[in-house]
Amino acid sequence: MNETSPVAARVVQLFREDLHIDVPDRDTALIEAGLLDSVGFLRLFGALEKTFGIAVTAEDLARDRFRSVNAIAEFVRAKQSGDDPHPTAALTDPRTGAERLTVAVGRERETGAAVAAARAAQPGWAGLTPRDRARRLLRFADLIEERSAEYARAERAGTGKPEAEAHGEVEQCADLLRFYAGALRADTAPAAGRRMGGRESWVRWEPLGVVAAIVPWNYPLMMAAWRIGPALAAGNTVVLKPALTTPDTALLLARDAAGTLGPDVLLTVPGDRDTGRLLVTEGVDAVAFTGSVTGGQDVAARAGLRRLSLELGGNCPALVLPDAPDDTCEALVRAVTYNAGQSCAAPARVITLRENHDRVVEGLAKAMSDRRAGADFGPLNNADQAARYDRLLGSSSAGVDHVADLAPAPGEEGGYWRPGRVLADLPPDDPAVVDEVFGPVLTVQRADGVEEAVALANSVPQALAASVWGSHTATVLGVAGELNAGEVWVNCHLDQTAELPHGGRGTSGHGTDMSVLALTEYQRPKTVTVRVGER
């Protein structure tokens, strides 16, 4: 198209007036020139819909149609001349509750194209030597770290979390990718050798193929890293489906993976629950899902006999014994308000003995009063989550309810801010106890002894993580062994690192995230035996 195209002129005007960006030339490479980052792209997509009435789909993103003003103008012309409507969704800023952009929702065409592209790329990716695959993963991690400010802005756009938390998530993502770049070069197979007379045997660990990674909105970047790190290291290609409300960092990951890992090794398809369902039924070889129990059950029903890794929530207990350290209440409150309590492994149900119950309630209430939503931690992610918080807390029959203050910044009063709370004197079937609130809330229950306390801890169907607090070594280690959970902390909570496995039991799902054990989630063994001697 020529430079005098009225569409190109309108795109230039759009950049200037809507995005406040002056483009020096219509052929300027916008990304390379630093004029567009991930947040800018999302604002651009919203402006394109507002100005031209078109929606950007996941398939459009894979074709690099936004390199320059002229490329964007050609894209607009092609879209306007076609007959291909796509559903869209309005996304809000959780800090204000106001609409921030409109995104296209992936459907059959997008999921099918992504899986097909990932399948075509998989043999080449798996065929790299472990050294070369590790080098590319390390470069990917370096690029994420180099662009940490951009990733943190994108993370905050969809979650509203404080800047320090967002930067911490970027750091953990890069660290996890580096960990798996090293882990893939370690020999984790059973020892090779002569296991039968006249026979030599060994075990090959082979990738599964194409992995669908469906991740939630609470830690959009970190949950993606937990899934894509071992899957990519093992030689699989990945199609990543972020939560509808938080596509920002997933789009960045796909962009940067294309330049470091190779084309189509990691692809992102934004969308809603139906997009995820389509992806699961698209013919992928495995599904890694992190989300609700209901969502996990739906994935399992659709996946059939294919490999599944499910992490489905926690409702985690924290047993506080009479000899618990002095900083126990403060530590538990810090853990439950980190990310506004929207963590599957966050403490939720504090269980004490009768003799220290009142002291713990008082200590938690005091510590919670020093943590204010808006000043010390972020908002809930979306309107549905805020409504769920209100419903569960509104139906609770707690006799004691300590509510902390709110401190949103000026102009953010309409956001999904919810205060930290401590509830006590609850029946065992109280909704705030039985259901995972997934917010900055601690319930406190009392038990007549350690044995009953453990029974209370194990009384819910979730079994992801737990903690025990006390000073008597034999007692706390004994309790740790009796707790039904995939991860148990003693005198700490929510402390995790790439070297240690994390996974659930019961309705918290199955499978392993992190550590070298996670590699086997995305591999399958093949035994090879060769006759080398006489019969």
Protein backbone atom coordinates (compact mmCIF):
# COMPACT_ATOMS: atom_id res chain seq x y z
CA MET A 1 0.00 0.00 0.00
CA ASN A 2 1.25 3.55 -0.63
CA GLU A 3 2.10 6.17 1.92
CA THR A 4 -0.93 8.33 1.08
CA SER A 5 -3.36 5.62 2.17
CA PRO A 6 -6.12 7.21 4.28
CA VAL A 7 -6.05 4.16 6.56
CA ALA A 8 -2.33 4.65 7.24
CA ALA A 9 -2.95 8.33 7.95
CA ARG A 10 -5.69 7.39 10.41
CA VAL A 11 -3.37 4.89 12.09
CA VAL A 12 -0.76 7.62 12.54
CA GLN A 13 -3.46 9.85 14.06
CA LEU A 14 -4.53 6.97 16.31
CA PHE A 15 -0.97 6.59 17.60
CA ARG A 16 -0.67 10.29 18.25
CA GLU A 17 -4.05 10.94 19.85
CA ASP A 18 -4.96 7.65 21.53
CA LEU A 19 -1.55 6.23 22.44
CA HIS A 20 0.40 9.51 22.67
CA ILE A 21 3.16 8.09 20.48
CA ASP A 22 4.78 10.02 17.63
CA VAL A 23 5.88 7.57 14.94
CA PRO A 24 8.76 9.09 12.91
CA ASP A 25 8.07 7.05 9.76
CA ARG A 26 5.32 4.73 8.58
CA ASP A 27 7.84 1.94 8.01
CA THR A 28 9.51 2.33 11.41
CA ALA A 29 9.85 -1.00 13.24
CA LEU A 30 7.76 -0.13 16.30
CA ILE A 31 9.08 -2.81 18.66
CA GLU A 32 12.73 -2.38 17.77
CA ALA A 33 12.42 1.39 18.10
CA GLY A 34 11.04 0.98 21.64
CA LEU A 35 7.76 2.66 20.75
CA LEU A 36 5.52 -0.28 21.66
CA ASP A 37 5.76 -2.58 24.67
CA SER A 38 3.18 -5.19 25.71
CA VAL A 39 0.93 -2.68 27.47
CA GLY A 40 1.14 -0.41 24.43
CA PHE A 41 0.14 -3.28 22.16
CA LEU A 42 -2.92 -4.02 24.24
CA ARG A 43 -3.89 -0.35 24.19
CA LEU A 44 -3.35 -0.40 20.42
CA PHE A 45 -5.71 -3.35 20.03
CA GLY A 46 -8.37 -1.51 21.99
CA ALA A 47 -7.86 1.62 19.91
CA LEU A 48 -8.12 -0.39 16.67
CA GLU A 49 -11.45 -1.78 17.76
CA LYS A 50 -12.72 1.64 18.82
CA THR A 51 -11.55 3.39 15.65
CA PHE A 52 -12.02 0.75 12.95
CA GLY A 53 -14.46 -1.68 14.58
CA ILE A 54 -12.12 -4.68 14.28
CA ALA A 55 -10.89 -7.20 16.85
CA VAL A 56 -7.40 -8.69 17.09
CA THR A 57 -7.29 -12.47 17.43
CA ALA A 58 -4.55 -14.82 18.62
CA GLU A 59 -3.97 -15.92 15.03
CA ASP A 60 -3.40 -12.30 14.04
CA LEU A 61 -0.72 -11.94 16.71
CA ALA A 62 1.29 -14.83 15.31
CA ARG A 63 1.63 -13.14 11.91
CA ASP A 64 3.64 -10.11 12.98
CA ARG A 65 1.12 -7.74 11.43
CA PHE A 66 1.93 -4.84 13.76
CA ARG A 67 5.58 -4.20 12.91
CA SER A 68 4.97 -0.76 11.40
CA VAL A 69 2.22 1.76 10.68
CA ASN A 70 1.99 0.54 7.11
CA ALA A 71 1.72 -3.08 8.26
CA ILE A 72 -1.04 -2.13 10.71
CA ALA A 73 -2.90 -0.24 8.00
CA GLU A 74 -2.73 -3.27 5.71
CA PHE A 75 -3.99 -5.44 8.55
CA VAL A 76 -6.93 -3.06 9.10
CA ARG A 77 -7.84 -3.12 5.42
CA ALA A 78 -7.72 -6.93 5.34
CA LYS A 79 -9.86 -7.20 8.44
CA GLN A 80 -12.44 -4.71 7.25
CA SER A 81 -12.80 -6.42 3.90
CA GLY A 82 -13.29 -9.86 5.44
CA ASP A 83 -16.29 -11.49 7.06
CA ASP A 84 -14.83 -13.05 10.20
CA PRO A 85 -16.45 -11.78 13.42
CA HIS A 86 -14.81 -12.81 16.68
CA PRO A 87 -16.10 -12.54 20.23
CA THR A 88 -14.44 -9.96 22.39
CA ALA A 89 -14.19 -9.36 26.12
CA ALA A 90 -13.81 -6.13 28.05
CA LEU A 91 -11.02 -6.25 30.65
CA THR A 92 -10.94 -4.06 33.74
CA ASP A 93 -8.19 -2.61 35.85
CA PRO A 94 -8.67 -4.27 39.26
CA ARG A 95 -7.28 -1.18 40.98
CA THR A 96 -10.06 1.06 39.64
CA GLY A 97 -12.76 -1.27 38.36
CA ALA A 98 -12.72 0.70 35.09
CA GLU A 99 -12.45 -0.88 31.66
CA ARG A 100 -8.87 -0.88 30.40
CA LEU A 101 -9.12 -2.61 27.01
CA THR A 102 -11.08 -5.02 24.86
CA VAL A 103 -9.46 -8.25 23.67
CA ALA A 104 -10.42 -10.80 21.07
CA VAL A 105 -11.30 -14.24 22.39
CA GLY A 106 -9.69 -17.23 20.72
CA ARG A 107 -11.94 -19.84 19.14
CA GLU A 108 -11.55 -22.94 16.95
CA ARG A 109 -9.45 -21.24 14.30
CA GLU A 110 -6.97 -19.82 16.80
CA THR A 111 -6.59 -22.93 18.92
CA GLY A 112 -6.33 -25.14 15.86
CA ALA A 113 -3.72 -22.94 14.20
CA ALA A 114 -1.64 -22.72 17.39
CA VAL A 115 -1.63 -26.47 18.00
CA ALA A 116 -0.79 -27.18 14.37
CA ALA A 117 2.11 -24.72 14.43
CA ALA A 118 3.41 -26.06 17.74
CA ARG A 119 3.24 -29.63 16.42
CA ALA A 120 5.23 -28.69 13.33
CA ALA A 121 7.90 -27.02 15.47
CA GLN A 122 8.15 -29.80 18.06
CA PRO A 123 10.50 -32.26 16.28
CA GLY A 124 13.06 -29.53 15.65
CA TRP A 125 12.91 -28.32 19.24
CA ALA A 126 13.15 -31.84 20.67
CA GLY A 127 15.95 -32.65 18.24
CA LEU A 128 18.28 -30.06 19.72
CA THR A 129 21.01 -31.37 21.99
CA PRO A 130 20.39 -30.73 25.69
CA ARG A 131 23.21 -28.19 25.60
CA ASP A 132 21.66 -26.20 22.75
CA ARG A 133 18.16 -26.35 24.20
CA ALA A 134 19.54 -25.18 27.56
CA ARG A 135 21.37 -22.30 25.92
CA ARG A 136 18.18 -21.09 24.28
CA LEU A 137 16.27 -21.32 27.56
CA LEU A 138 19.02 -19.33 29.27
CA ARG A 139 18.78 -16.64 26.60
CA PHE A 140 15.01 -16.59 27.06
CA ALA A 141 15.50 -16.07 30.81
CA ASP A 142 18.07 -13.34 30.18
CA LEU A 143 15.69 -11.50 27.86
CA ILE A 144 12.88 -11.64 30.43
CA GLU A 145 15.24 -10.22 33.01
CA GLU A 146 16.50 -7.53 30.64
CA ARG A 147 12.90 -6.51 30.01
CA SER A 148 11.81 -6.90 33.62
CA ALA A 149 10.32 -3.40 33.80
CA GLU A 150 8.11 -4.17 30.79
CA TYR A 151 7.05 -7.52 32.23
CA ALA A 152 6.28 -5.96 35.62
CA ARG A 153 4.12 -3.26 34.01
CA ALA A 154 2.24 -5.91 32.05
CA GLU A 155 1.79 -8.02 35.18
CA ARG A 156 0.41 -5.10 37.14
CA ALA A 157 -1.97 -4.11 34.33
CA GLY A 158 -4.03 -7.26 34.79
CA THR A 159 -3.54 -7.97 38.48
CA GLY A 160 -3.10 -4.62 40.20
CA LYS A 161 -0.49 -6.13 42.50
CA PRO A 162 2.12 -3.83 44.06
CA GLU A 163 5.23 -3.12 42.03
CA ALA A 164 7.54 -5.07 44.34
CA GLU A 165 5.38 -8.19 44.04
CA ALA A 166 5.26 -7.88 40.25
CA HIS A 167 9.04 -7.52 39.98
CA GLY A 168 9.45 -10.51 42.32
CA GLU A 169 7.30 -12.60 40.01
CA VAL A 170 9.44 -11.64 37.00
CA GLU A 171 12.58 -12.58 38.92
CA GLN A 172 11.13 -15.96 39.89
CA CYS A 173 10.11 -16.64 36.28
CA ALA A 174 13.65 -16.06 35.01
CA ASP A 175 15.12 -18.11 37.86
CA LEU A 176 12.83 -21.05 37.14
CA LEU A 177 13.73 -21.09 33.45
CA ARG A 178 17.42 -21.06 34.36
CA PHE A 179 16.88 -23.91 36.79
CA TYR A 180 15.32 -26.09 34.10
CA ALA A 181 17.99 -25.12 31.60
CA GLY A 182 20.40 -26.83 34.00
CA ALA A 183 18.11 -29.64 35.08
CA LEU A 184 17.52 -30.89 31.53
CA ARG A 185 21.24 -31.65 31.22
CA ALA A 186 21.25 -33.86 34.33
CA ASP A 187 20.81 -37.60 33.82
CA THR A 188 17.58 -38.53 35.60
CA ALA A 189 17.09 -41.93 33.92
CA PRO A 190 17.64 -45.23 35.76
CA ALA A 191 21.19 -46.46 35.41
CA ALA A 192 21.99 -48.13 32.11
CA GLY A 193 23.88 -51.37 31.90
CA ARG A 194 23.62 -55.14 31.88
CA ARG A 195 20.44 -56.05 33.75
CA MET A 196 19.97 -59.44 32.06
CA GLY A 197 22.38 -62.00 30.74
CA GLY A 198 23.64 -61.12 27.28
CA ARG A 199 21.56 -57.96 27.18
CA GLU A 200 22.42 -54.27 27.46
CA SER A 201 19.60 -51.91 28.43
CA TRP A 202 18.98 -48.24 28.92
CA VAL A 203 16.03 -45.86 29.34
CA ARG A 204 15.28 -42.91 27.07
CA TRP A 205 13.15 -40.08 28.41
CA GLU A 206 11.19 -38.66 25.49
CA PRO A 207 8.95 -35.56 25.28
CA LEU A 208 5.19 -35.98 25.08
CA GLY A 209 4.76 -33.64 22.11
CA VAL A 210 2.51 -30.57 22.34
CA VAL A 211 1.49 -29.44 25.83
CA ALA A 212 -1.49 -27.19 26.54
CA ALA A 213 -0.70 -25.03 29.57
CA ILE A 214 -3.78 -23.34 31.04
CA VAL A 215 -2.90 -20.95 33.84
CA PRO A 216 -4.88 -18.72 36.24
CA TRP A 217 -5.00 -15.01 36.95
CA ASN A 218 -3.47 -14.90 40.42
CA TYR A 219 0.16 -15.32 39.29
CA PRO A 220 -0.08 -15.02 35.50
CA LEU A 221 3.66 -15.01 34.84
CA MET A 222 4.88 -17.32 37.60
CA MET A 223 2.22 -19.98 37.03
CA ALA A 224 3.12 -19.91 33.33
CA ALA A 225 6.80 -20.39 34.22
CA TRP A 226 5.97 -23.34 36.51
CA ARG A 227 4.35 -25.06 33.53
CA ILE A 228 6.37 -23.99 30.51
CA GLY A 229 9.79 -24.33 32.20
CA PRO A 230 9.86 -28.12 32.59
CA ALA A 231 7.68 -28.72 29.52
CA LEU A 232 10.03 -26.82 27.23
CA ALA A 233 13.15 -28.24 28.87
CA ALA A 234 11.85 -31.76 28.27
CA GLY A 235 11.58 -31.06 24.53
CA ASN A 236 7.86 -30.30 24.20
CA THR A 237 6.37 -27.30 22.48
CA VAL A 238 3.71 -25.41 24.44
CA VAL A 239 0.48 -23.60 23.68
CA LEU A 240 -0.18 -21.27 26.61
CA LYS A 241 -3.73 -20.16 27.45
CA PRO A 242 -3.70 -17.39 30.07
CA ALA A 243 -6.73 -16.39 32.13
CA LEU A 244 -9.09 -14.05 30.33
CA THR A 245 -8.39 -11.17 32.72
CA THR A 246 -4.58 -11.42 32.56
CA PRO A 247 -3.25 -12.07 29.02
CA ASP A 248 -0.59 -9.35 29.21
CA THR A 249 2.55 -11.24 30.27
CA ALA A 250 1.61 -14.39 28.33
CA LEU A 251 1.70 -12.36 25.12
CA LEU A 252 5.12 -11.06 26.08
CA LEU A 253 6.38 -14.58 26.72
CA ALA A 254 5.28 -15.72 23.27
CA ARG A 255 6.92 -12.72 21.66
CA ASP A 256 10.26 -13.22 23.40
CA ALA A 257 10.22 -17.00 23.01
CA ALA A 258 9.92 -16.61 19.24
CA GLY A 259 13.20 -14.71 19.17
CA THR A 260 15.13 -16.94 21.55
CA LEU A 261 13.70 -20.46 21.46
CA GLY A 262 12.54 -20.44 17.86
CA PRO A 263 9.28 -19.88 15.96
CA ASP A 264 6.19 -21.61 17.38
CA VAL A 265 8.00 -23.34 20.27
CA LEU A 266 5.85 -21.35 22.70
CA LEU A 267 2.58 -19.84 21.51
CA THR A 268 -0.08 -17.91 23.40
CA VAL A 269 -3.82 -18.04 22.71
CA PRO A 270 -5.73 -15.52 24.86
CA GLY A 271 -9.33 -16.31 25.64
CA ASP A 272 -12.00 -17.43 28.06
CA ARG A 273 -13.05 -20.80 29.49
CA ASP A 274 -14.39 -21.92 26.14
CA THR A 275 -10.99 -21.19 24.59
CA GLY A 276 -9.41 -23.49 27.14
CA ARG A 277 -11.97 -26.21 26.44
CA LEU A 278 -11.29 -25.95 22.71
CA LEU A 279 -7.56 -26.19 23.31
CA VAL A 280 -7.93 -29.33 25.44
CA THR A 281 -9.98 -31.05 22.73
CA GLU A 282 -7.72 -29.87 19.91
CA GLY A 283 -5.49 -32.94 19.98
CA VAL A 284 -2.69 -31.83 22.29
CA ASP A 285 -0.63 -34.60 23.89
CA ALA A 286 -0.87 -33.36 27.48
CA VAL A 287 -2.63 -30.71 29.55
CA ALA A 288 -1.15 -28.80 32.47
CA PHE A 289 -3.94 -26.95 34.27
CA THR A 290 -3.85 -24.69 37.31
CA GLY A 291 -7.20 -23.41 38.55
CA SER A 292 -10.38 -24.36 40.36
CA VAL A 293 -11.59 -27.85 41.26
CA THR A 294 -14.54 -27.43 38.89
CA GLY A 295 -12.23 -26.35 36.10
CA GLY A 296 -9.92 -29.30 36.75
CA GLN A 297 -12.80 -31.75 36.64
CA ASP A 298 -13.92 -30.29 33.33
CA VAL A 299 -10.40 -30.58 31.89
CA ALA A 300 -10.09 -34.19 33.08
CA ALA A 301 -13.42 -35.12 31.46
CA ARG A 302 -12.37 -33.62 28.13
CA ALA A 303 -8.75 -34.83 28.13
CA GLY A 304 -9.61 -38.52 28.30
CA LEU A 305 -6.51 -40.72 28.59
CA ARG A 306 -4.01 -38.01 27.82
CA ARG A 307 -1.44 -36.97 30.42
CA LEU A 308 -2.75 -34.46 32.97
CA SER A 309 -1.09 -32.33 35.59
CA LEU A 310 -3.63 -30.56 37.84
CA GLU A 311 -3.12 -28.01 40.62
CA LEU A 312 -6.56 -27.13 41.95
CA GLY A 313 -6.44 -25.07 45.11
CA GLY A 314 -5.55 -25.30 48.76
CA ASN A 315 -7.63 -23.98 51.69
CA CYS A 316 -4.46 -24.59 53.65
CA PRO A 317 -4.33 -25.13 57.45
CA ALA A 318 -1.79 -23.57 59.81
CA LEU A 319 -1.52 -25.35 63.18
CA VAL A 320 -0.36 -22.93 65.87
CA LEU A 321 0.74 -24.70 69.05
CA PRO A 322 1.07 -22.97 72.46
CA ASP A 323 4.87 -22.76 72.14
CA ALA A 324 4.81 -21.19 68.67
CA PRO A 325 7.47 -18.53 67.95
CA ASP A 326 6.66 -14.95 68.88
CA ASP A 327 6.48 -13.84 65.23
CA THR A 328 3.94 -16.50 64.22
CA CYS A 329 0.89 -14.23 63.92
CA GLU A 330 2.77 -11.57 62.00
CA ALA A 331 4.22 -14.19 59.62
CA LEU A 332 0.81 -15.75 58.94
CA VAL A 333 -0.77 -12.37 58.25
CA ARG A 334 2.05 -11.45 55.86
CA ALA A 335 1.55 -14.75 54.04
CA VAL A 336 -2.24 -14.41 53.71
CA THR A 337 -2.08 -10.80 52.50
CA TYR A 338 0.68 -11.43 49.95
CA ASN A 339 -1.03 -11.14 46.56
CA ALA A 340 -4.21 -10.30 48.52
CA GLY A 341 -4.38 -13.91 49.69
CA GLN A 342 -4.93 -15.10 46.13
CA SER A 343 -2.49 -17.98 46.39
CA CYS A 344 -3.43 -21.66 46.46
CA ALA A 345 -0.80 -22.32 49.11
CA ALA A 346 -1.60 -19.31 51.33
CA PRO A 347 -2.64 -20.03 54.92
CA ALA A 348 -6.42 -19.97 55.30
CA ARG A 349 -7.47 -22.01 58.36
CA VAL A 350 -5.58 -21.32 61.59
CA ILE A 351 -6.03 -24.12 64.13
CA THR A 352 -5.00 -23.67 67.75
CA LEU A 353 -5.37 -25.52 71.02
CA ARG A 354 -7.88 -24.18 73.55
CA GLU A 355 -5.16 -22.83 75.80
CA ASN A 356 -3.69 -20.47 73.18
CA HIS A 357 -6.79 -19.73 71.08
CA ASP A 358 -7.64 -16.29 72.44
CA ARG A 359 -4.00 -15.21 72.39
CA VAL A 360 -3.66 -16.21 68.74
CA VAL A 361 -6.89 -14.45 67.72
CA GLU A 362 -5.69 -11.28 69.41
CA GLY A 363 -2.24 -11.55 67.82
CA LEU A 364 -3.65 -12.12 64.35
CA ALA A 365 -6.11 -9.24 64.72
CA LYS A 366 -3.32 -6.87 65.76
CA ALA A 367 -1.06 -7.96 62.90
CA MET A 368 -3.92 -7.69 60.39
CA SER A 369 -4.76 -4.18 61.52
CA ASP A 370 -1.29 -3.12 60.32
CA ARG A 371 -1.92 -4.44 56.77
CA ARG A 372 -4.18 -2.28 54.63
CA ALA A 373 -5.42 -3.14 51.17
CA GLY A 374 -4.22 -0.41 48.84
CA ALA A 375 -1.20 0.51 50.93
CA ASP A 376 0.30 -2.90 51.77
CA PHE A 377 -1.27 -5.31 49.31
CA GLY A 378 -3.26 -5.28 46.10
CA PRO A 379 -6.90 -5.76 45.11
CA LEU A 380 -8.79 -8.91 44.25
CA ASN A 381 -8.43 -9.68 40.57
CA ASN A 382 -11.91 -9.30 39.16
CA ALA A 383 -15.57 -8.61 39.90
CA ASP A 384 -16.46 -12.30 40.17
CA GLN A 385 -13.76 -12.90 42.75
CA ALA A 386 -14.85 -9.86 44.75
CA ALA A 387 -18.46 -11.07 44.69
CA ARG A 388 -17.35 -14.51 45.87
CA TYR A 389 -15.44 -12.95 48.77
CA ASP A 390 -18.51 -10.94 49.73
CA ARG A 391 -20.80 -13.96 49.49
CA LEU A 392 -18.63 -16.26 51.63
CA LEU A 393 -17.95 -13.64 54.27
CA GLY A 394 -21.58 -12.52 54.25
CA SER A 395 -22.81 -16.06 54.93
CA SER A 396 -20.28 -16.78 57.68
CA SER A 397 -21.64 -17.11 61.20
CA ALA A 398 -18.33 -16.22 62.89
CA GLY A 399 -18.82 -14.84 66.39
CA VAL A 400 -15.62 -12.78 66.10
CA ASP A 401 -14.82 -10.72 63.01
CA HIS A 402 -11.80 -8.39 63.01
CA VAL A 403 -11.78 -6.19 59.89
CA ALA A 404 -8.74 -4.15 58.85
CA ASP A 405 -8.82 -0.80 57.06
CA LEU A 406 -8.77 -0.01 53.35
CA ALA A 407 -6.36 2.53 51.89
CA PRO A 408 -6.80 2.73 48.10
CA ALA A 409 -4.95 5.50 46.31
CA PRO A 410 -6.94 8.54 45.12
CA GLY A 411 -8.91 7.60 42.03
CA GLU A 412 -8.81 3.88 42.84
CA GLU A 413 -11.76 3.77 45.22
CA GLY A 414 -13.82 1.81 42.68
CA GLY A 415 -11.36 -1.08 42.49
CA TYR A 416 -11.81 -4.60 43.85
CA TRP A 417 -10.28 -3.80 47.21
CA ARG A 418 -11.22 -6.03 50.12
CA PRO A 419 -9.91 -5.70 53.67
CA GLY A 420 -7.91 -8.25 55.58
CA ARG A 421 -10.08 -10.11 58.12
CA VAL A 422 -9.70 -12.54 61.02
CA LEU A 423 -12.74 -14.70 61.83
CA ALA A 424 -13.12 -16.78 65.00
CA ASP A 425 -15.80 -18.71 66.91
CA LEU A 426 -16.94 -20.52 63.77
CA PRO A 427 -18.75 -23.84 63.39
CA PRO A 428 -16.74 -26.52 61.55
CA ASP A 429 -19.09 -26.33 58.55
CA ASP A 430 -18.92 -22.54 58.22
CA PRO A 431 -18.63 -21.47 54.55
CA ALA A 432 -15.46 -19.51 55.31
CA VAL A 433 -13.89 -22.73 56.61
CA VAL A 434 -15.18 -25.32 54.17
CA ASP A 435 -14.75 -23.20 51.02
CA GLU A 436 -11.47 -21.58 50.06
CA VAL A 437 -12.06 -17.82 50.28
CA PHE A 438 -8.96 -17.09 48.19
CA GLY A 439 -8.57 -13.68 49.74
CA PRO A 440 -6.89 -11.92 52.69
CA VAL A 441 -8.88 -13.84 55.32
CA LEU A 442 -7.86 -16.12 58.19
CA THR A 443 -10.31 -18.28 60.13
CA VAL A 444 -9.36 -19.52 63.60
CA GLN A 445 -10.60 -22.79 65.09
CA ARG A 446 -9.77 -24.42 68.42
CA ALA A 447 -9.00 -28.06 69.23
CA ASP A 448 -8.75 -29.98 72.51
CA GLY A 449 -5.36 -31.45 71.68
CA VAL A 450 -2.77 -31.98 68.98
CA GLU A 451 -4.51 -35.07 67.65
CA GLU A 452 -7.79 -33.21 67.21
CA ALA A 453 -5.95 -30.27 65.66
CA VAL A 454 -4.46 -32.57 63.02
CA ALA A 455 -7.88 -34.09 62.40
CA LEU A 456 -9.34 -30.60 61.84
CA ALA A 457 -6.51 -29.77 59.47
CA ASN A 458 -7.19 -32.92 57.47
CA SER A 459 -10.99 -32.54 57.55
CA VAL A 460 -11.40 -30.73 54.21
CA PRO A 461 -11.03 -32.38 50.79
CA GLN A 462 -8.21 -30.05 49.69
CA ALA A 463 -4.68 -31.20 50.55
CA LEU A 464 -2.15 -28.91 48.89
CA ALA A 465 -0.05 -27.34 51.64
CA ALA A 466 0.01 -26.74 55.40
CA SER A 467 2.19 -25.38 58.17
CA VAL A 468 2.81 -26.14 61.83
CA TRP A 469 4.16 -23.63 64.35
CA GLY A 470 5.86 -24.65 67.60
CA SER A 471 9.20 -24.95 69.41
CA HIS A 472 9.30 -28.63 70.39
CA THR A 473 11.13 -30.37 67.56
CA ALA A 474 9.69 -33.85 68.03
CA THR A 475 6.13 -32.50 68.22
CA VAL A 476 6.24 -30.26 65.15
CA LEU A 477 7.99 -32.89 63.03
CA GLY A 478 5.46 -35.48 64.15
CA VAL A 479 2.60 -33.18 63.18
CA ALA A 480 4.26 -32.42 59.83
CA GLY A 481 4.29 -36.14 59.09
CA GLU A 482 0.61 -36.56 59.97
CA LEU A 483 -0.68 -33.66 57.88
CA ASN A 484 -2.25 -34.71 54.60
CA ALA A 485 -0.59 -32.21 52.25
CA GLY A 486 1.86 -32.20 49.38
CA GLU A 487 3.97 -29.51 51.06
CA VAL A 488 4.39 -28.74 54.77
CA TRP A 489 6.26 -25.86 56.37
CA VAL A 490 7.46 -25.67 59.98
CA ASN A 491 7.56 -22.18 61.52
CA CYS A 492 7.21 -20.56 58.11
CA HIS A 493 4.64 -20.54 55.31
CA LEU A 494 4.67 -19.94 51.56
CA ASP A 495 8.45 -20.39 51.30
CA GLN A 496 9.19 -21.96 47.90
CA THR A 497 12.12 -22.36 45.52
CA ALA A 498 12.69 -24.02 42.16
CA GLU A 499 14.61 -26.92 43.70
CA LEU A 500 11.68 -28.15 45.83
CA PRO A 501 8.57 -29.91 44.47
CA HIS A 502 5.06 -28.57 44.93
CA GLY A 503 1.91 -30.58 44.30
CA GLY A 504 -1.44 -31.50 45.74
CA ARG A 505 -3.49 -34.44 46.92
CA GLY A 506 -7.22 -35.04 47.12
CA THR A 507 -9.24 -32.34 45.38
CA SER A 508 -6.11 -30.19 45.20
CA GLY A 509 -5.15 -32.24 42.17
CA HIS A 510 -2.14 -34.33 41.26
CA GLY A 511 1.16 -33.79 39.56
CA THR A 512 4.33 -31.95 40.45
CA ASP A 513 5.40 -28.37 39.85
CA MET A 514 9.02 -27.27 40.28
CA SER A 515 12.11 -29.37 41.05
CA VAL A 516 13.65 -31.98 38.75
CA LEU A 517 10.63 -34.18 39.48
CA ALA A 518 8.48 -31.90 37.32
CA LEU A 519 10.44 -32.91 34.22
CA THR A 520 8.83 -36.36 34.35
CA GLU A 521 5.38 -34.71 34.15
CA TYR A 522 6.24 -33.84 30.55
CA GLN A 523 8.23 -36.92 29.52
CA ARG A 524 7.61 -40.63 28.99
CA PRO A 525 10.20 -43.39 29.42
CA LYS A 526 11.18 -45.82 26.70
CA THR A 527 13.25 -48.87 27.59
CA VAL A 528 15.69 -50.07 24.94
CA THR A 529 17.26 -53.54 25.32
CA VAL A 530 19.89 -54.93 22.94
CA ARG A 531 21.11 -58.52 22.72
CA VAL A 532 24.88 -58.36 22.84
CA GLY A 533 25.82 -61.93 23.73
CA GLU A 534 24.95 -65.48 22.78
CA ARG A 535 21.42 -66.77 23.26
